[in-house]
Amino acid sequence: MNEKSFHLDYLPDNVVKLFENLFFQKGLVYAVLFFIGLVSGLKISIAAFLCIATLLLSLFCTLISRHSDSLALIIISLFLIVNYETTNTPSIIRYLIYIVSGLTLILNNRLIFIKKNLTLLTLLIFSILVATVYSSFQHYIEFKVQPFFRDLFVLFVLFIFCLLSKDIKVNLQLIFILLIGALFGEILYLATNEIVGYLNYSSVKTFILFIPYYLFIKGKNYYALFSLFLCLIVISNYGTRMILLSLIFFSFVGLIIFLLKKGSFRSIVFASIFTLFSFFSLQYILSYEFIQGLKSVAFLGEFYDPKSTSIYEIFKILDPVRYAEHQIFFSRSWTEILFGNGLGAGIIDVKGYLGFVNYYQSAFSQEEINANIYFNLHDYWIDYGLRFGLIPALAIIFFMAIKPMIEGDIFTGIFNGVMLICMTYSGAGILIVALLNRFHKHSFDHQ
């Protein structure tokens, strides 16, 4: 049991002891979190307000010096922010959680700078300032306040990683239990409802993959594979392709790095056979009519189509909007591609690549479509690449995903890569990625 925090000296000892004994020593917190996750997965209207309960519990844990639990609960609160087709968490609650999460990032650091990180951030800021000034003279670049403040927020998060963190490790087990409940809820919802359109509009839906990640790092590989299968069932109904595509990509990269570092001849042969088996098995699975009806999975069938002439043609057929966005992105000068157009930048579609787009087939706002100026591109590398540059965007992928793989932590690299690509379109997603990468390293060792 933790000692009572100085913040609660005015409370009787028995109040703190009762809370800790009931919730943590007797394990009631696990039952509560599983239930909250279950309700969240079932898409019940009250789910939009469940994040209030976990936020309050996080604040109380902070006051009684249970910082590991508090960190987990604030991450859970971010995950529970709801963005369904018919129900949303009120803005005032969302921003309150964002503020508390930001303060959590700030206060759990020492005022000691990591020189390498600070040097890299200084170079990035200098590059962004030059790009911003340069782009202000370009007729095809516009600036907007909302993405400007989002970019400042991203720079703030990057600055936090220039500081030495306190020795606090997030309690991953609490997150795992909540997400297990959410997974069961999602599966029950799928079994009892006819799904039309997107199951979940929030970028943090990708976080459900934390379940197999946690089991893999705990060494429970068979349970991890089974949970991954269940997660893929849910993901296939989300209606988005990028989660599965990024999972396949980073898994393949992780496999290559593992074989290059530790692979014997036998393991390389086994991996090759397994890859071929997976390739032909997937072709067989994709032949089913039911699977072909799932947008987030059926796109893989295009890679088996003998009529497909090139990867570019496949890309254009699969997602003409993303294809057009890449055309716009790479139509600029090489300096703009590599170093970006500065904070808050948006790009005018001068050549009309996105002229076919309407409000109902993309994530663009009606204002963007009407003005033909685009600030919210679909993919991480061109969205952040537009403002920060392709080099910084790819560098962050390297440090977050590829570097852990090279250092031997394959599962963390895969999970980080998928989170980075699929979750950084919202404040909640950025904060979850930041908090986990700040406080998760080796934190499972003490669970």
Protein backbone atom coordinates (compact mmCIF):
# COMPACT_ATOMS: atom_id res chain seq x y z
CA MET A 1 0.00 0.00 0.00
CA ASN A 2 1.27 3.46 -0.85
CA GLU A 3 1.71 6.02 1.89
CA LYS A 4 -0.98 8.68 2.05
CA SER A 5 -0.10 11.68 -0.09
CA PHE A 6 0.54 15.09 1.47
CA HIS A 7 -2.31 16.33 -0.75
CA LEU A 8 -4.81 14.51 1.48
CA ASP A 9 -3.52 15.27 4.96
CA TYR A 10 -6.95 16.63 5.85
CA LEU A 11 -8.66 13.30 5.12
CA PRO A 12 -8.87 10.62 7.80
CA ASP A 13 -6.46 7.73 7.28
CA ASN A 14 -9.31 5.26 7.20
CA VAL A 15 -10.86 6.95 4.11
CA VAL A 16 -7.69 6.50 2.05
CA LYS A 17 -7.08 3.01 3.41
CA LEU A 18 -10.67 1.96 2.67
CA PHE A 19 -10.40 3.21 -0.91
CA GLU A 20 -7.07 1.51 -1.55
CA ASN A 21 -8.13 -1.71 0.12
CA LEU A 22 -11.46 -1.89 -1.71
CA PHE A 23 -10.31 -0.85 -5.17
CA PHE A 24 -6.75 -2.11 -5.44
CA GLN A 25 -5.95 -4.79 -2.86
CA LYS A 26 -9.29 -6.55 -3.30
CA GLY A 27 -9.22 -5.97 -7.05
CA LEU A 28 -12.54 -4.12 -7.42
CA VAL A 29 -10.86 -1.72 -9.86
CA TYR A 30 -10.46 -4.58 -12.37
CA ALA A 31 -14.16 -5.46 -12.26
CA VAL A 32 -15.12 -1.80 -12.59
CA LEU A 33 -12.80 -1.23 -15.55
CA PHE A 34 -13.95 -4.41 -17.31
CA PHE A 35 -17.57 -3.30 -16.94
CA ILE A 36 -16.78 0.20 -18.21
CA GLY A 37 -15.00 -1.30 -21.20
CA LEU A 38 -17.91 -3.65 -21.88
CA VAL A 39 -20.43 -0.77 -21.87
CA SER A 40 -18.13 1.23 -24.12
CA GLY A 41 -17.89 -1.63 -26.62
CA LEU A 42 -21.67 -2.10 -26.65
CA LYS A 43 -22.07 1.49 -27.93
CA ILE A 44 -24.65 2.37 -25.28
CA SER A 45 -25.40 6.11 -25.11
CA ILE A 46 -24.03 6.42 -21.58
CA ALA A 47 -20.64 5.35 -22.96
CA ALA A 48 -20.04 8.96 -23.99
CA PHE A 49 -19.76 9.91 -20.30
CA LEU A 50 -17.80 6.92 -18.91
CA CYS A 51 -14.53 8.83 -19.32
CA ILE A 52 -15.65 11.13 -16.48
CA ALA A 53 -15.53 8.22 -14.00
CA THR A 54 -12.04 7.12 -15.04
CA LEU A 55 -10.79 10.72 -15.07
CA LEU A 56 -11.99 11.27 -11.50
CA LEU A 57 -10.46 7.97 -10.45
CA SER A 58 -7.18 9.01 -12.08
CA LEU A 59 -7.16 12.32 -10.22
CA PHE A 60 -7.84 10.57 -6.91
CA CYS A 61 -5.01 8.11 -7.57
CA THR A 62 -2.71 11.09 -8.14
CA LEU A 63 -3.75 12.59 -4.83
CA ILE A 64 -2.98 9.37 -2.94
CA SER A 65 0.34 8.96 -4.81
CA ARG A 66 -0.66 5.96 -6.92
CA HIS A 67 0.99 7.55 -9.96
CA SER A 68 1.36 4.35 -11.97
CA ASP A 69 -2.38 3.71 -11.72
CA SER A 70 -3.17 7.37 -12.39
CA LEU A 71 -1.20 7.28 -15.65
CA ALA A 72 -3.07 4.18 -16.80
CA LEU A 73 -6.44 5.70 -15.93
CA ILE A 74 -5.76 8.94 -17.82
CA ILE A 75 -4.83 6.89 -20.90
CA ILE A 76 -8.05 4.94 -20.42
CA SER A 77 -9.99 8.22 -20.19
CA LEU A 78 -8.54 9.31 -23.52
CA PHE A 79 -9.55 5.99 -25.09
CA LEU A 80 -13.09 6.30 -23.74
CA ILE A 81 -13.73 9.62 -25.50
CA VAL A 82 -16.58 8.67 -27.82
CA ASN A 83 -16.97 9.56 -31.48
CA TYR A 84 -19.76 7.36 -32.84
CA GLU A 85 -22.15 8.22 -35.63
CA THR A 86 -24.95 9.14 -33.21
CA THR A 87 -23.16 9.81 -29.90
CA ASN A 88 -20.21 12.00 -28.95
CA THR A 89 -18.50 12.94 -25.71
CA PRO A 90 -19.28 16.64 -25.00
CA SER A 91 -16.47 19.02 -25.93
CA ILE A 92 -16.04 20.37 -22.40
CA ILE A 93 -15.32 16.86 -21.11
CA ARG A 94 -12.92 16.10 -23.99
CA TYR A 95 -10.90 19.25 -23.43
CA LEU A 96 -10.81 18.71 -19.67
CA ILE A 97 -9.27 15.27 -20.28
CA TYR A 98 -6.82 16.79 -22.77
CA ILE A 99 -5.74 19.41 -20.22
CA VAL A 100 -5.23 16.84 -17.45
CA SER A 101 -3.31 14.59 -19.87
CA GLY A 102 -1.10 17.50 -20.94
CA LEU A 103 -0.39 18.40 -17.32
CA THR A 104 0.44 14.75 -16.65
CA LEU A 105 3.01 14.87 -19.45
CA ILE A 106 4.50 18.10 -18.07
CA LEU A 107 4.59 17.34 -14.35
CA ASN A 108 6.15 13.88 -14.59
CA ASN A 109 9.46 15.22 -15.88
CA ARG A 110 12.70 16.51 -14.40
CA LEU A 111 14.10 19.85 -15.55
CA ILE A 112 17.05 18.06 -17.14
CA PHE A 113 17.38 18.25 -20.91
CA ILE A 114 18.36 15.38 -23.17
CA LYS A 115 20.83 17.20 -25.40
CA LYS A 116 20.43 15.01 -28.48
CA ASN A 117 16.64 15.36 -28.49
CA LEU A 118 16.82 19.09 -27.82
CA THR A 119 19.26 19.58 -30.71
CA LEU A 120 16.99 17.67 -33.10
CA LEU A 121 13.94 19.67 -31.96
CA THR A 122 15.81 22.96 -32.37
CA LEU A 123 16.75 22.02 -35.94
CA LEU A 124 13.12 21.04 -36.63
CA ILE A 125 11.77 24.35 -35.28
CA PHE A 126 14.31 26.31 -37.33
CA SER A 127 13.33 24.34 -40.44
CA ILE A 128 9.62 24.93 -39.77
CA LEU A 129 10.09 28.68 -39.28
CA VAL A 130 12.01 28.97 -42.56
CA ALA A 131 9.35 26.89 -44.33
CA THR A 132 6.54 29.02 -42.88
CA VAL A 133 8.13 32.25 -44.09
CA TYR A 134 8.92 30.76 -47.50
CA SER A 135 5.40 29.34 -47.95
CA SER A 136 3.75 32.66 -47.14
CA PHE A 137 4.92 33.79 -50.60
CA GLN A 138 3.54 30.73 -52.41
CA HIS A 139 0.18 31.19 -54.14
CA TYR A 140 -0.89 27.56 -53.61
CA ILE A 141 -0.35 27.52 -49.82
CA GLU A 142 -2.86 28.85 -47.30
CA PHE A 143 -2.72 29.04 -43.50
CA LYS A 144 -5.45 28.37 -40.94
CA VAL A 145 -5.65 28.89 -37.18
CA GLN A 146 -6.96 25.44 -36.16
CA PRO A 147 -4.18 23.34 -37.75
CA PHE A 148 -1.69 25.98 -36.58
CA PHE A 149 -2.57 25.33 -32.93
CA ARG A 150 -2.57 21.57 -33.52
CA ASP A 151 0.95 21.86 -34.90
CA LEU A 152 2.02 23.88 -31.85
CA PHE A 153 0.56 21.11 -29.68
CA VAL A 154 2.65 18.53 -31.57
CA LEU A 155 5.78 20.64 -30.99
CA PHE A 156 4.89 20.84 -27.29
CA VAL A 157 4.69 17.02 -27.14
CA LEU A 158 8.04 16.72 -28.91
CA PHE A 159 9.53 19.21 -26.43
CA ILE A 160 8.43 16.99 -23.54
CA PHE A 161 10.60 14.23 -24.97
CA CYS A 162 13.58 16.58 -24.65
CA LEU A 163 13.22 16.37 -20.86
CA LEU A 164 14.30 13.50 -18.62
CA SER A 165 11.21 11.75 -17.28
CA LYS A 166 10.62 10.80 -13.67
CA ASP A 167 10.92 7.13 -12.76
CA ILE A 168 7.21 6.35 -13.14
CA LYS A 169 5.86 3.37 -15.02
CA VAL A 170 2.31 3.11 -16.28
CA ASN A 171 0.27 0.18 -14.94
CA LEU A 172 -0.40 -1.64 -18.20
CA GLN A 173 -2.60 -4.22 -16.51
CA LEU A 174 -5.37 -1.68 -15.88
CA ILE A 175 -5.38 -0.70 -19.55
CA PHE A 176 -5.42 -4.37 -20.56
CA ILE A 177 -8.48 -5.16 -18.41
CA LEU A 178 -10.43 -2.17 -19.73
CA LEU A 179 -9.67 -3.09 -23.33
CA ILE A 180 -10.61 -6.74 -22.76
CA GLY A 181 -14.03 -5.49 -21.66
CA ALA A 182 -14.21 -3.21 -24.71
CA LEU A 183 -13.29 -6.10 -27.03
CA PHE A 184 -16.02 -8.33 -25.59
CA GLY A 185 -18.48 -5.46 -25.90
CA GLU A 186 -17.51 -4.86 -29.54
CA ILE A 187 -17.94 -8.55 -30.40
CA LEU A 188 -21.34 -8.70 -28.67
CA TYR A 189 -22.37 -5.56 -30.55
CA LEU A 190 -21.33 -7.11 -33.86
CA ALA A 191 -23.23 -10.29 -33.04
CA THR A 192 -26.46 -8.45 -32.23
CA ASN A 193 -26.48 -5.55 -34.71
CA GLU A 194 -26.32 -5.11 -38.45
CA ILE A 195 -23.36 -2.88 -39.22
CA VAL A 196 -23.80 -0.26 -41.93
CA GLY A 197 -20.91 2.18 -42.46
CA TYR A 198 -18.21 2.86 -39.87
CA LEU A 199 -18.41 1.13 -36.51
CA ASN A 200 -16.24 3.77 -34.83
CA TYR A 201 -15.12 7.17 -36.12
CA SER A 202 -12.48 7.81 -33.45
CA SER A 203 -8.80 7.45 -34.33
CA VAL A 204 -8.14 5.82 -30.93
CA LYS A 205 -10.08 2.71 -32.01
CA THR A 206 -6.70 1.33 -33.12
CA PHE A 207 -5.75 1.06 -29.44
CA ILE A 208 -7.70 -2.22 -29.22
CA LEU A 209 -4.49 -3.83 -30.59
CA PHE A 210 -2.91 -3.16 -27.19
CA ILE A 211 -4.50 -6.46 -26.05
CA PRO A 212 -2.37 -8.79 -28.20
CA TYR A 213 0.64 -6.49 -27.72
CA TYR A 214 0.39 -6.81 -23.93
CA LEU A 215 0.03 -10.60 -24.13
CA PHE A 216 3.02 -10.88 -26.49
CA ILE A 217 5.32 -8.90 -24.19
CA LYS A 218 4.13 -11.07 -21.28
CA GLY A 219 5.18 -14.16 -23.22
CA LYS A 220 1.63 -15.54 -23.60
CA ASN A 221 1.90 -16.02 -27.34
CA TYR A 222 -1.04 -18.38 -27.90
CA TYR A 223 -3.42 -16.08 -26.02
CA ALA A 224 -1.93 -13.15 -27.94
CA LEU A 225 -2.62 -14.79 -31.30
CA PHE A 226 -6.19 -15.64 -30.29
CA SER A 227 -6.83 -12.11 -29.06
CA LEU A 228 -5.31 -10.75 -32.29
CA PHE A 229 -7.81 -12.86 -34.25
CA LEU A 230 -10.67 -11.38 -32.21
CA CYS A 231 -9.28 -7.87 -32.67
CA LEU A 232 -9.09 -8.38 -36.43
CA ILE A 233 -12.76 -9.39 -36.49
CA VAL A 234 -13.64 -6.09 -34.82
CA ILE A 235 -11.20 -4.07 -36.94
CA SER A 236 -12.63 -5.56 -40.14
CA ASN A 237 -15.93 -3.88 -39.25
CA TYR A 238 -14.41 -0.48 -38.48
CA GLY A 239 -14.54 0.29 -42.19
CA THR A 240 -10.97 1.60 -42.40
CA ARG A 241 -8.16 -0.11 -44.29
CA MET A 242 -5.16 1.64 -42.77
CA ILE A 243 -5.13 -0.28 -39.46
CA LEU A 244 -4.78 -3.65 -41.19
CA LEU A 245 -2.42 -2.32 -43.85
CA SER A 246 -0.06 -0.71 -41.33
CA LEU A 247 -0.19 -3.84 -39.13
CA ILE A 248 0.85 -6.00 -42.10
CA PHE A 249 3.58 -3.55 -43.12
CA PHE A 250 5.23 -3.18 -39.69
CA SER A 251 4.90 -6.92 -38.98
CA PHE A 252 6.71 -7.63 -42.25
CA VAL A 253 9.43 -5.08 -41.41
CA GLY A 254 9.75 -6.59 -37.91
CA LEU A 255 10.10 -10.09 -39.38
CA ILE A 256 12.84 -8.97 -41.76
CA ILE A 257 14.78 -7.19 -38.98
CA PHE A 258 14.42 -10.22 -36.68
CA LEU A 259 15.71 -12.62 -39.35
CA LEU A 260 18.62 -10.34 -40.25
CA LYS A 261 19.66 -10.03 -36.59
CA LYS A 262 19.00 -13.47 -35.14
CA GLY A 263 17.70 -15.72 -37.86
CA SER A 264 19.36 -19.04 -38.52
CA PHE A 265 19.02 -20.80 -41.85
CA ARG A 266 16.23 -22.94 -40.41
CA SER A 267 14.24 -19.95 -39.14
CA ILE A 268 14.64 -18.14 -42.49
CA VAL A 269 13.30 -21.20 -44.34
CA PHE A 270 10.43 -21.51 -41.86
CA ALA A 271 9.59 -17.80 -42.22
CA SER A 272 9.60 -18.09 -46.01
CA ILE A 273 7.26 -21.10 -45.93
CA PHE A 274 4.99 -19.36 -43.43
CA THR A 275 4.86 -16.22 -45.60
CA LEU A 276 3.93 -18.24 -48.70
CA PHE A 277 1.31 -20.17 -46.72
CA SER A 278 -0.17 -16.92 -45.39
CA PHE A 279 -0.21 -15.44 -48.89
CA PHE A 280 -2.20 -18.29 -50.43
CA SER A 281 -4.40 -18.74 -47.34
CA LEU A 282 -5.38 -15.09 -47.51
CA GLN A 283 -6.26 -15.48 -51.18
CA TYR A 284 -8.58 -18.36 -50.25
CA ILE A 285 -10.18 -16.41 -47.39
CA LEU A 286 -10.76 -13.38 -49.60
CA SER A 287 -12.73 -15.51 -52.05
CA TYR A 288 -15.66 -15.69 -49.60
CA GLU A 289 -18.53 -13.34 -50.43
CA PHE A 290 -18.91 -12.26 -46.78
CA ILE A 291 -15.25 -11.17 -46.58
CA GLN A 292 -15.58 -9.29 -49.86
CA GLY A 293 -18.29 -7.18 -48.25
CA LEU A 294 -15.88 -5.87 -45.59
CA LYS A 295 -14.23 -2.73 -46.94
CA SER A 296 -11.34 -2.85 -44.46
CA VAL A 297 -10.34 -6.36 -45.58
CA ALA A 298 -11.63 -6.79 -49.14
CA PHE A 299 -9.10 -4.29 -50.54
CA LEU A 300 -6.39 -6.97 -50.16
CA GLY A 301 -8.08 -8.89 -52.97
CA GLU A 302 -6.86 -6.28 -55.44
CA PHE A 303 -3.30 -7.51 -54.93
CA TYR A 304 -4.36 -10.95 -56.20
CA ASP A 305 -6.18 -9.58 -59.23
CA PRO A 306 -4.27 -10.63 -62.39
CA LYS A 307 -5.69 -7.55 -64.16
CA SER A 308 -3.82 -5.22 -61.80
CA THR A 309 -0.84 -3.90 -63.79
CA SER A 310 1.13 -1.96 -61.17
CA ILE A 311 1.14 -0.90 -57.53
CA TYR A 312 0.12 2.60 -58.62
CA GLU A 313 -2.93 1.29 -60.45
CA ILE A 314 -3.92 -0.80 -57.43
CA PHE A 315 -3.50 2.23 -55.16
CA LYS A 316 -5.63 4.36 -57.48
CA ILE A 317 -8.40 1.73 -57.64
CA LEU A 318 -8.39 1.05 -53.90
CA ASP A 319 -8.50 4.64 -52.70
CA PRO A 320 -8.72 7.36 -55.36
CA VAL A 321 -8.92 10.07 -52.67
CA ARG A 322 -5.61 9.05 -51.07
CA TYR A 323 -4.07 8.63 -54.51
CA ALA A 324 -5.06 12.20 -55.43
CA GLU A 325 -3.72 13.50 -52.10
CA HIS A 326 -0.33 11.97 -52.87
CA GLN A 327 -0.41 13.55 -56.31
CA ILE A 328 -0.97 16.95 -54.70
CA PHE A 329 1.70 16.34 -52.05
CA PHE A 330 4.40 15.33 -54.53
CA SER A 331 3.50 18.06 -57.03
CA ARG A 332 5.44 20.58 -54.92
CA SER A 333 9.18 21.28 -55.08
CA TRP A 334 11.55 18.76 -53.50
CA THR A 335 12.49 21.23 -50.73
CA GLU A 336 8.81 21.59 -49.77
CA ILE A 337 8.34 17.82 -49.87
CA LEU A 338 11.31 17.19 -47.59
CA PHE A 339 10.98 20.17 -45.21
CA GLY A 340 7.29 21.06 -45.35
CA ASN A 341 5.36 24.29 -45.73
CA GLY A 342 5.23 25.38 -42.10
CA LEU A 343 2.78 25.58 -39.21
CA GLY A 344 -0.90 25.60 -40.07
CA ALA A 345 -0.30 25.13 -43.79
CA GLY A 346 -2.90 23.82 -46.21
CA ILE A 347 -2.54 23.26 -49.91
CA ILE A 348 -4.68 24.51 -52.79
CA ASP A 349 -5.54 21.81 -55.32
CA VAL A 350 -4.39 23.88 -58.30
CA LYS A 351 -4.56 21.01 -60.80
CA GLY A 352 -7.93 19.69 -59.59
CA TYR A 353 -6.73 16.25 -58.48
CA LEU A 354 -9.49 16.13 -55.83
CA GLY A 355 -12.17 17.66 -58.04
CA PHE A 356 -14.29 14.49 -57.83
CA VAL A 357 -14.49 14.46 -54.01
CA ASN A 358 -17.68 15.15 -52.09
CA TYR A 359 -18.35 15.51 -48.38
CA TYR A 360 -19.71 11.97 -47.94
CA GLN A 361 -16.76 10.06 -49.39
CA SER A 362 -13.87 11.60 -47.49
CA ALA A 363 -12.74 13.09 -44.18
CA PHE A 364 -12.57 16.61 -45.62
CA SER A 365 -14.84 19.32 -44.27
CA GLN A 366 -17.40 20.98 -46.51
CA GLU A 367 -15.38 24.19 -46.17
CA GLU A 368 -12.25 22.50 -47.55
CA ILE A 369 -14.14 21.03 -50.50
CA ASN A 370 -15.89 24.30 -51.37
CA ALA A 371 -12.68 26.36 -51.13
CA ASN A 372 -10.52 23.68 -52.79
CA ILE A 373 -7.98 24.15 -49.96
CA TYR A 374 -7.05 21.04 -47.97
CA PHE A 375 -5.64 21.00 -44.43
CA ASN A 376 -6.44 17.43 -43.28
CA LEU A 377 -4.82 14.85 -45.51
CA HIS A 378 -5.58 11.20 -44.79
CA ASP A 379 -2.15 9.61 -44.27
CA TYR A 380 0.29 10.40 -41.47
CA TRP A 381 3.34 10.95 -43.70
CA ILE A 382 1.62 13.43 -46.01
CA ASP A 383 -0.54 15.08 -43.33
CA TYR A 384 2.41 15.91 -41.07
CA GLY A 385 4.73 15.94 -44.06
CA LEU A 386 2.78 18.85 -45.56
CA ARG A 387 3.62 21.08 -42.59
CA PHE A 388 6.69 19.56 -40.91
CA GLY A 389 8.29 17.88 -43.93
CA LEU A 390 8.68 14.29 -45.03
CA ILE A 391 12.09 13.93 -43.37
CA PRO A 392 10.83 14.71 -39.80
CA ALA A 393 7.69 12.57 -40.34
CA LEU A 394 9.75 9.55 -41.42
CA ALA A 395 12.36 10.21 -38.70
CA ILE A 396 9.67 9.90 -36.03
CA ILE A 397 8.57 6.57 -37.56
CA PHE A 398 12.18 5.41 -37.37
CA PHE A 399 12.70 6.39 -33.72
CA MET A 400 9.31 5.10 -32.55
CA ALA A 401 8.91 1.92 -34.62
CA ILE A 402 12.06 0.83 -36.44
CA LYS A 403 14.63 1.62 -33.74
CA PRO A 404 12.91 -0.57 -31.08
CA MET A 405 12.88 -3.44 -33.62
CA ILE A 406 16.60 -3.02 -34.28
CA GLU A 407 17.19 -3.04 -30.51
CA GLY A 408 15.30 -6.35 -30.25
CA ASP A 409 11.84 -5.18 -29.13
CA ILE A 410 9.93 -6.30 -32.22
CA PHE A 411 6.43 -6.22 -30.70
CA THR A 412 6.83 -2.70 -29.32
CA GLY A 413 8.09 -1.50 -32.70
CA ILE A 414 5.11 -2.99 -34.52
CA PHE A 415 2.61 -1.61 -32.00
CA ASN A 416 4.21 1.85 -31.97
CA GLY A 417 4.24 1.98 -35.76
CA VAL A 418 0.56 1.11 -36.08
CA MET A 419 -0.40 3.61 -33.36
CA LEU A 420 1.63 6.37 -34.98
CA ILE A 421 0.13 5.84 -38.43
CA CYS A 422 -3.48 5.33 -37.30
CA MET A 423 -3.97 7.32 -34.07
CA THR A 424 -2.29 10.70 -34.48
CA TYR A 425 -5.19 12.45 -36.24
CA SER A 426 -6.79 13.59 -32.97
CA GLY A 427 -5.69 15.13 -29.70
CA ALA A 428 -6.65 11.97 -27.83
CA GLY A 429 -4.59 9.80 -30.18
CA ILE A 430 -1.52 12.02 -29.96
CA LEU A 431 -1.70 12.05 -26.15
CA ILE A 432 -2.12 8.27 -25.86
CA VAL A 433 0.89 7.72 -28.13
CA ALA A 434 2.92 10.27 -26.16
CA LEU A 435 1.99 8.97 -22.69
CA LEU A 436 2.64 5.32 -23.58
CA ASN A 437 5.97 6.06 -25.23
CA ARG A 438 6.94 8.25 -22.30
CA PHE A 439 6.09 5.85 -19.49
CA HIS A 440 5.58 2.35 -20.90
CA LYS A 441 9.11 1.13 -21.48
CA HIS A 442 9.67 -2.12 -19.59
CA SER A 443 6.77 -1.21 -17.32
CA PHE A 444 5.32 -4.70 -17.79
CA ASP A 445 8.24 -6.22 -15.88
CA HIS A 446 6.73 -5.36 -12.50
CA GLN A 447 3.13 -6.32 -13.27
